[in-house]
Every structure is written in C-alpha cells, then in structure tokens.
C-alpha cells in the first residue's frame, strides 16, 4: 500500500469515528467538543481525559465499527456521569444506549482481541 492510500484510509476511518462521536454526543445530549487520538494502548481499549476532552482509541481495535461505537459510547458515559468508575449508574446509562446483551457481547470481543494482541506481543515482541 503506498503512502497516499494509507493517508486516505486513515482519513476515511477518522471521518467514520467522528460521525459515530457526533451521534453519541447527540444521544447523550453532550454539547462539548472532543479531540480523538488513535494510538497503541497496551492494556485499554480506550480512555478519556475529561478536563481536556480527549478520547484515545486503541489503534488495534478501530477496524471493527461495532467496537468503535462501543468505545465512544463507553467513554462518553464516563464523561456524562463525571466518573472514571464502572458502577451501576455507568452500566445503566451505557446499556440504555446500546442494550445490555450487545454491551456484554462487544466487551467479550474487545477482551478477546486485547488478549490476542498482548499474547502475540509477548511471543513476537512489540513490533507487531
């Protein structure tokens, strides 16, 4: 793949992510703007800096639209509730937006992918 195609792929992917972010913000009735950063995260699918309004997505997980939707809704639930914890209110809100069974299924998919990536990196090194 040439460099031009890589840039196009990344811009297309980022446009899709921004589209999902805008829909999720509307669903949560959040007016604030967020910056999206895609990077390698060893132990997390995503994270949010609430004060800076930055959402970081694990680059190994953004190839699946269903996972992207989950990660964005998950991080915005933290923001909406002003918490970094995963308590009853957090899952009540997240499940109300995505559905409890879907949340559980996507979380299993994310855990499986994270396990595979961490297992492979231990075998082959971080150059994967």
N, C-alpha and C. Protein backbone atom coordinates (compact mmCIF):
# COMPACT_ATOMS: atom_id res chain seq x y z
N UNK A 1 0.85 -1.17 0.00
CA UNK A 1 0.00 0.00 0.00
C UNK A 1 0.90 1.24 0.00
N UNK A 2 0.66 2.15 -0.90
CA UNK A 2 1.50 3.34 -0.96
C UNK A 2 1.06 4.35 0.10
N UNK A 3 1.90 5.33 0.37
CA UNK A 3 1.68 6.32 1.41
C UNK A 3 0.35 7.06 1.20
N UNK A 4 0.04 7.41 -0.06
CA UNK A 4 -1.19 8.13 -0.37
C UNK A 4 -2.42 7.32 0.07
N UNK A 5 -2.39 6.01 -0.15
CA UNK A 5 -3.51 5.17 0.24
C UNK A 5 -3.63 5.05 1.75
N UNK A 6 -2.51 5.05 2.45
CA UNK A 6 -2.53 4.99 3.92
C UNK A 6 -3.21 6.24 4.48
N UNK A 7 -2.85 7.41 3.96
CA UNK A 7 -3.46 8.67 4.41
C UNK A 7 -4.96 8.64 4.14
N UNK A 8 -5.36 8.17 2.93
CA UNK A 8 -6.78 8.12 2.59
C UNK A 8 -7.51 7.18 3.55
N UNK A 9 -6.93 6.02 3.82
CA UNK A 9 -7.55 5.06 4.73
C UNK A 9 -7.73 5.68 6.10
N UNK A 10 -6.69 6.33 6.59
CA UNK A 10 -6.77 6.93 7.92
C UNK A 10 -7.79 8.06 7.96
N UNK A 11 -7.86 8.88 6.92
CA UNK A 11 -8.83 9.98 6.93
C UNK A 11 -10.26 9.44 6.82
N UNK A 12 -10.46 8.37 6.03
CA UNK A 12 -11.78 7.74 5.95
C UNK A 12 -12.18 7.16 7.30
N UNK A 13 -11.26 6.48 7.95
CA UNK A 13 -11.53 5.89 9.26
C UNK A 13 -11.83 6.98 10.28
N UNK A 14 -11.05 8.06 10.26
CA UNK A 14 -11.27 9.16 11.21
C UNK A 14 -12.62 9.83 10.95
N UNK A 15 -13.00 9.97 9.69
CA UNK A 15 -14.32 10.55 9.38
C UNK A 15 -15.43 9.68 9.96
N UNK A 16 -15.30 8.36 9.84
CA UNK A 16 -16.30 7.45 10.40
C UNK A 16 -16.34 7.56 11.92
N UNK A 17 -15.18 7.66 12.54
CA UNK A 17 -15.11 7.79 14.01
C UNK A 17 -15.77 9.09 14.44
N UNK A 18 -15.51 10.17 13.75
CA UNK A 18 -16.11 11.47 14.09
C UNK A 18 -17.63 11.43 13.92
N UNK A 19 -18.09 10.71 12.91
CA UNK A 19 -19.52 10.53 12.68
C UNK A 19 -20.16 9.81 13.87
N UNK A 20 -19.52 8.76 14.31
CA UNK A 20 -20.01 7.99 15.48
C UNK A 20 -19.99 8.87 16.72
N UNK A 21 -18.93 9.65 16.90
CA UNK A 21 -18.82 10.55 18.05
C UNK A 21 -19.97 11.55 18.07
N UNK A 22 -20.28 12.14 16.93
CA UNK A 22 -21.36 13.14 16.87
C UNK A 22 -22.71 12.51 17.20
N UNK A 23 -22.96 11.30 16.73
CA UNK A 23 -24.21 10.61 17.04
C UNK A 23 -24.29 10.31 18.53
N UNK A 24 -23.19 9.84 19.10
CA UNK A 24 -23.16 9.52 20.53
C UNK A 24 -23.35 10.78 21.38
N UNK A 25 -22.72 11.87 20.99
CA UNK A 25 -22.89 13.14 21.72
C UNK A 25 -24.36 13.56 21.71
N UNK A 26 -24.98 13.40 20.57
CA UNK A 26 -26.40 13.75 20.45
C UNK A 26 -27.24 12.85 21.34
N UNK A 27 -26.96 11.53 21.33
CA UNK A 27 -27.70 10.58 22.18
C UNK A 27 -27.55 10.91 23.66
N UNK A 28 -26.36 11.35 24.06
CA UNK A 28 -26.09 11.68 25.47
C UNK A 28 -26.42 13.14 25.80
N UNK A 29 -26.82 13.89 24.79
CA UNK A 29 -27.11 15.32 24.96
C UNK A 29 -25.90 16.06 25.51
N UNK A 30 -24.75 15.81 24.88
CA UNK A 30 -23.49 16.47 25.23
C UNK A 30 -23.16 17.48 24.14
N UNK A 31 -22.91 18.71 24.54
CA UNK A 31 -22.61 19.78 23.58
C UNK A 31 -21.11 19.99 23.37
N UNK A 32 -20.29 19.56 24.32
CA UNK A 32 -18.85 19.82 24.27
C UNK A 32 -18.19 19.14 23.07
N UNK A 33 -17.08 19.72 22.63
CA UNK A 33 -16.29 19.14 21.56
C UNK A 33 -15.19 18.26 22.15
N UNK A 34 -14.79 17.25 21.39
CA UNK A 34 -13.76 16.31 21.83
C UNK A 34 -12.73 16.14 20.75
N UNK A 35 -11.52 15.89 21.17
CA UNK A 35 -10.44 15.54 20.26
C UNK A 35 -10.28 14.03 20.31
N UNK A 36 -10.11 13.41 19.15
CA UNK A 36 -9.90 11.96 19.08
C UNK A 36 -8.44 11.71 18.75
N UNK A 37 -7.82 10.83 19.51
CA UNK A 37 -6.45 10.40 19.24
C UNK A 37 -6.46 8.88 19.09
N UNK A 38 -5.85 8.40 18.03
CA UNK A 38 -5.73 6.96 17.80
C UNK A 38 -4.28 6.59 18.05
N UNK A 39 -4.08 5.66 18.98
CA UNK A 39 -2.71 5.26 19.30
C UNK A 39 -2.72 3.85 19.88
N UNK A 40 -1.55 3.26 19.97
CA UNK A 40 -1.42 1.94 20.60
C UNK A 40 -1.63 2.10 22.10
N UNK A 41 -2.51 1.29 22.64
CA UNK A 41 -2.73 1.23 24.08
C UNK A 41 -2.57 -0.23 24.48
N UNK A 42 -1.63 -0.51 25.35
CA UNK A 42 -1.34 -1.90 25.71
C UNK A 42 -2.46 -2.58 26.47
N UNK A 43 -3.06 -1.87 27.42
CA UNK A 43 -3.99 -2.53 28.33
C UNK A 43 -5.43 -2.03 28.24
N UNK A 44 -5.69 -1.04 27.41
CA UNK A 44 -7.02 -0.45 27.36
C UNK A 44 -7.53 -0.40 25.92
N UNK A 45 -8.85 -0.44 25.83
CA UNK A 45 -9.48 -0.25 24.53
C UNK A 45 -9.56 1.22 24.19
N UNK A 46 -9.75 2.03 25.22
CA UNK A 46 -9.88 3.48 25.04
C UNK A 46 -9.72 4.15 26.40
N UNK A 47 -9.57 5.47 26.35
CA UNK A 47 -9.53 6.25 27.58
C UNK A 47 -10.03 7.65 27.27
N UNK A 48 -10.38 8.38 28.32
CA UNK A 48 -10.84 9.76 28.15
C UNK A 48 -10.17 10.65 29.18
N UNK A 49 -9.74 11.82 28.74
CA UNK A 49 -9.28 12.88 29.65
C UNK A 49 -10.44 13.86 29.74
N UNK A 50 -11.13 13.84 30.85
CA UNK A 50 -12.36 14.62 30.96
C UNK A 50 -12.10 16.12 30.92
N UNK A 51 -11.05 16.58 31.58
CA UNK A 51 -10.76 18.01 31.59
C UNK A 51 -10.36 18.54 30.23
N UNK A 52 -9.56 17.78 29.52
CA UNK A 52 -9.08 18.19 28.20
C UNK A 52 -10.03 17.76 27.08
N UNK A 53 -11.00 16.90 27.43
CA UNK A 53 -11.96 16.37 26.46
C UNK A 53 -11.24 15.69 25.29
N UNK A 54 -10.36 14.75 25.64
CA UNK A 54 -9.63 13.95 24.66
C UNK A 54 -10.03 12.49 24.84
N UNK A 55 -10.43 11.87 23.74
CA UNK A 55 -10.73 10.44 23.74
C UNK A 55 -9.62 9.74 22.96
N UNK A 56 -8.98 8.77 23.62
CA UNK A 56 -7.94 7.98 22.97
C UNK A 56 -8.51 6.61 22.64
N UNK A 57 -8.35 6.19 21.37
CA UNK A 57 -8.82 4.88 20.94
C UNK A 57 -7.63 4.00 20.60
N UNK A 58 -7.70 2.75 20.99
CA UNK A 58 -6.64 1.80 20.70
C UNK A 58 -6.65 1.48 19.20
N UNK A 59 -5.54 1.75 18.54
CA UNK A 59 -5.48 1.56 17.09
C UNK A 59 -5.69 0.11 16.66
N UNK A 60 -5.46 -0.83 17.57
CA UNK A 60 -5.68 -2.24 17.24
C UNK A 60 -7.16 -2.62 17.23
N UNK A 61 -8.02 -1.74 17.73
CA UNK A 61 -9.44 -2.07 17.83
C UNK A 61 -10.32 -1.29 16.88
N UNK A 62 -9.77 -0.36 16.11
CA UNK A 62 -10.63 0.51 15.29
C UNK A 62 -10.95 -0.06 13.92
N UNK A 63 -10.72 -1.34 13.72
CA UNK A 63 -11.03 -1.96 12.44
C UNK A 63 -12.43 -2.56 12.44
N UNK A 64 -13.10 -2.48 13.56
CA UNK A 64 -14.43 -3.05 13.74
C UNK A 64 -15.37 -1.92 14.16
N UNK A 65 -16.33 -1.59 13.29
CA UNK A 65 -17.24 -0.47 13.56
C UNK A 65 -18.04 -0.65 14.85
N UNK A 66 -18.44 -1.89 15.13
CA UNK A 66 -19.20 -2.17 16.34
C UNK A 66 -18.38 -1.84 17.59
N UNK A 67 -17.10 -2.16 17.55
CA UNK A 67 -16.22 -1.85 18.68
C UNK A 67 -16.03 -0.34 18.80
N UNK A 68 -15.86 0.35 17.69
CA UNK A 68 -15.71 1.81 17.73
C UNK A 68 -16.92 2.44 18.40
N UNK A 69 -18.11 2.03 17.99
CA UNK A 69 -19.34 2.56 18.58
C UNK A 69 -19.33 2.33 20.09
N UNK A 70 -19.02 1.11 20.50
CA UNK A 70 -18.98 0.79 21.92
C UNK A 70 -17.97 1.68 22.66
N UNK A 71 -16.76 1.78 22.13
CA UNK A 71 -15.71 2.55 22.81
C UNK A 71 -16.11 4.02 22.98
N UNK A 72 -16.68 4.61 21.94
CA UNK A 72 -17.10 6.02 22.01
C UNK A 72 -18.22 6.18 23.06
N UNK A 73 -19.23 5.32 22.99
CA UNK A 73 -20.34 5.41 23.96
C UNK A 73 -19.83 5.16 25.38
N UNK A 74 -18.91 4.23 25.53
CA UNK A 74 -18.33 3.92 26.83
C UNK A 74 -17.63 5.14 27.42
N UNK A 75 -16.76 5.75 26.62
CA UNK A 75 -16.01 6.91 27.13
C UNK A 75 -16.92 8.10 27.39
N UNK A 76 -17.91 8.30 26.55
CA UNK A 76 -18.84 9.42 26.78
C UNK A 76 -19.73 9.17 28.00
N UNK A 77 -19.98 7.91 28.34
CA UNK A 77 -20.72 7.62 29.57
C UNK A 77 -19.91 8.08 30.78
N UNK A 78 -18.60 7.85 30.74
CA UNK A 78 -17.73 8.37 31.81
C UNK A 78 -17.88 9.88 31.91
N UNK A 79 -17.82 10.54 30.76
CA UNK A 79 -17.89 12.00 30.72
C UNK A 79 -19.24 12.50 31.23
N UNK A 80 -20.30 11.90 30.75
CA UNK A 80 -21.66 12.33 31.11
C UNK A 80 -21.88 12.21 32.62
N UNK A 81 -21.38 11.13 33.20
CA UNK A 81 -21.59 10.88 34.63
C UNK A 81 -20.47 11.47 35.51
N UNK A 82 -19.46 12.05 34.88
CA UNK A 82 -18.32 12.63 35.61
C UNK A 82 -17.67 11.60 36.54
N UNK A 83 -17.44 10.41 36.00
CA UNK A 83 -16.81 9.36 36.80
C UNK A 83 -15.88 8.53 35.94
N UNK A 84 -14.87 7.96 36.59
CA UNK A 84 -13.99 7.04 35.87
C UNK A 84 -14.29 5.59 36.25
N UNK A 85 -15.28 5.42 37.10
CA UNK A 85 -15.64 4.09 37.60
C UNK A 85 -16.75 3.45 36.77
N UNK A 86 -16.84 2.13 36.88
CA UNK A 86 -17.84 1.35 36.16
C UNK A 86 -18.87 0.79 37.13
N UNK A 87 -19.65 1.65 37.71
CA UNK A 87 -20.65 1.23 38.68
C UNK A 87 -22.01 1.01 38.05
N UNK A 88 -22.99 0.88 38.92
CA UNK A 88 -24.36 0.62 38.50
C UNK A 88 -24.88 1.70 37.54
N UNK A 89 -24.73 2.97 37.92
CA UNK A 89 -25.23 4.08 37.08
C UNK A 89 -24.53 4.11 35.72
N UNK A 90 -23.24 3.80 35.72
CA UNK A 90 -22.48 3.78 34.48
C UNK A 90 -23.08 2.74 33.51
N UNK A 91 -23.25 1.51 33.98
CA UNK A 91 -23.78 0.45 33.10
C UNK A 91 -25.25 0.67 32.79
N UNK A 92 -25.98 1.26 33.70
CA UNK A 92 -27.39 1.59 33.42
C UNK A 92 -27.47 2.54 32.23
N UNK A 93 -26.61 3.57 32.23
CA UNK A 93 -26.59 4.53 31.13
C UNK A 93 -26.11 3.88 29.83
N UNK A 94 -25.00 3.18 29.88
CA UNK A 94 -24.43 2.54 28.69
C UNK A 94 -25.41 1.53 28.10
N UNK A 95 -26.01 0.70 28.96
CA UNK A 95 -26.96 -0.31 28.49
C UNK A 95 -28.22 0.33 27.90
N UNK A 96 -28.60 1.50 28.42
CA UNK A 96 -29.79 2.18 27.88
C UNK A 96 -29.55 2.68 26.46
N UNK A 97 -28.31 2.91 26.12
CA UNK A 97 -27.97 3.41 24.78
C UNK A 97 -27.70 2.28 23.79
N UNK A 98 -27.04 1.20 24.26
CA UNK A 98 -26.60 0.15 23.34
C UNK A 98 -27.30 -1.19 23.56
N UNK A 99 -27.91 -1.37 24.71
CA UNK A 99 -28.54 -2.65 25.03
C UNK A 99 -27.58 -3.54 25.82
N UNK A 100 -28.08 -4.14 26.87
CA UNK A 100 -27.23 -4.91 27.78
C UNK A 100 -26.53 -6.08 27.10
N UNK A 101 -27.26 -6.85 26.30
CA UNK A 101 -26.66 -8.01 25.63
C UNK A 101 -25.58 -7.59 24.64
N UNK A 102 -25.84 -6.50 23.92
CA UNK A 102 -24.85 -6.00 22.96
C UNK A 102 -23.60 -5.53 23.68
N UNK A 103 -23.78 -4.82 24.79
CA UNK A 103 -22.63 -4.35 25.58
C UNK A 103 -21.79 -5.54 26.03
N UNK A 104 -22.42 -6.56 26.56
CA UNK A 104 -21.69 -7.74 27.04
C UNK A 104 -20.95 -8.43 25.89
N UNK A 105 -21.62 -8.57 24.75
CA UNK A 105 -21.01 -9.24 23.60
C UNK A 105 -19.80 -8.46 23.08
N UNK A 106 -19.93 -7.16 22.99
CA UNK A 106 -18.81 -6.33 22.48
C UNK A 106 -17.67 -6.33 23.48
N UNK A 107 -17.98 -6.26 24.77
CA UNK A 107 -16.92 -6.32 25.79
C UNK A 107 -16.14 -7.64 25.69
N UNK A 108 -16.84 -8.74 25.46
CA UNK A 108 -16.16 -10.03 25.28
C UNK A 108 -15.25 -9.99 24.05
N UNK A 109 -15.75 -9.40 22.97
CA UNK A 109 -14.96 -9.29 21.74
C UNK A 109 -13.70 -8.45 21.97
N UNK A 110 -13.84 -7.34 22.68
CA UNK A 110 -12.70 -6.46 22.98
C UNK A 110 -11.69 -7.21 23.85
N UNK A 111 -12.16 -7.87 24.90
CA UNK A 111 -11.25 -8.61 25.79
C UNK A 111 -10.50 -9.68 25.02
N UNK A 112 -11.19 -10.37 24.12
CA UNK A 112 -10.54 -11.41 23.32
C UNK A 112 -9.46 -10.81 22.42
N UNK A 113 -9.77 -9.70 21.75
CA UNK A 113 -8.78 -9.05 20.87
C UNK A 113 -7.59 -8.52 21.67
N UNK A 114 -7.86 -7.94 22.84
CA UNK A 114 -6.77 -7.41 23.67
C UNK A 114 -5.89 -8.56 24.15
N UNK A 115 -6.50 -9.67 24.54
CA UNK A 115 -5.72 -10.83 24.97
C UNK A 115 -4.84 -11.33 23.83
N UNK A 116 -5.43 -11.45 22.64
CA UNK A 116 -4.67 -11.93 21.49
C UNK A 116 -3.50 -11.00 21.18
N UNK A 117 -3.74 -9.70 21.19
CA UNK A 117 -2.67 -8.74 20.88
C UNK A 117 -1.57 -8.80 21.93
N UNK A 118 -1.93 -8.86 23.21
CA UNK A 118 -0.92 -8.91 24.26
C UNK A 118 -0.18 -10.23 24.25
N UNK A 119 -0.87 -11.31 23.95
CA UNK A 119 -0.24 -12.63 23.86
C UNK A 119 0.76 -12.65 22.71
N UNK A 120 0.36 -12.14 21.54
CA UNK A 120 1.26 -12.11 20.38
C UNK A 120 2.46 -11.20 20.61
N UNK A 121 2.26 -10.08 21.30
CA UNK A 121 3.37 -9.18 21.53
C UNK A 121 4.39 -9.81 22.49
N UNK A 122 3.92 -10.66 23.42
CA UNK A 122 4.86 -11.36 24.29
C UNK A 122 5.66 -12.40 23.52
N UNK A 123 5.03 -13.02 22.52
CA UNK A 123 5.72 -14.03 21.73
C UNK A 123 6.68 -13.40 20.72
N UNK A 124 6.18 -12.39 19.97
CA UNK A 124 6.95 -11.83 18.86
C UNK A 124 7.58 -10.48 19.16
N UNK A 125 7.35 -9.94 20.31
CA UNK A 125 7.86 -8.61 20.62
C UNK A 125 6.85 -7.56 20.26
N UNK A 126 7.18 -6.31 20.49
CA UNK A 126 6.26 -5.19 20.27
C UNK A 126 6.19 -4.75 18.82
N UNK A 127 6.89 -5.40 17.93
CA UNK A 127 6.92 -4.98 16.53
C UNK A 127 5.74 -5.42 15.71
N UNK A 128 4.71 -5.95 16.34
CA UNK A 128 3.54 -6.44 15.61
C UNK A 128 2.78 -5.28 15.03
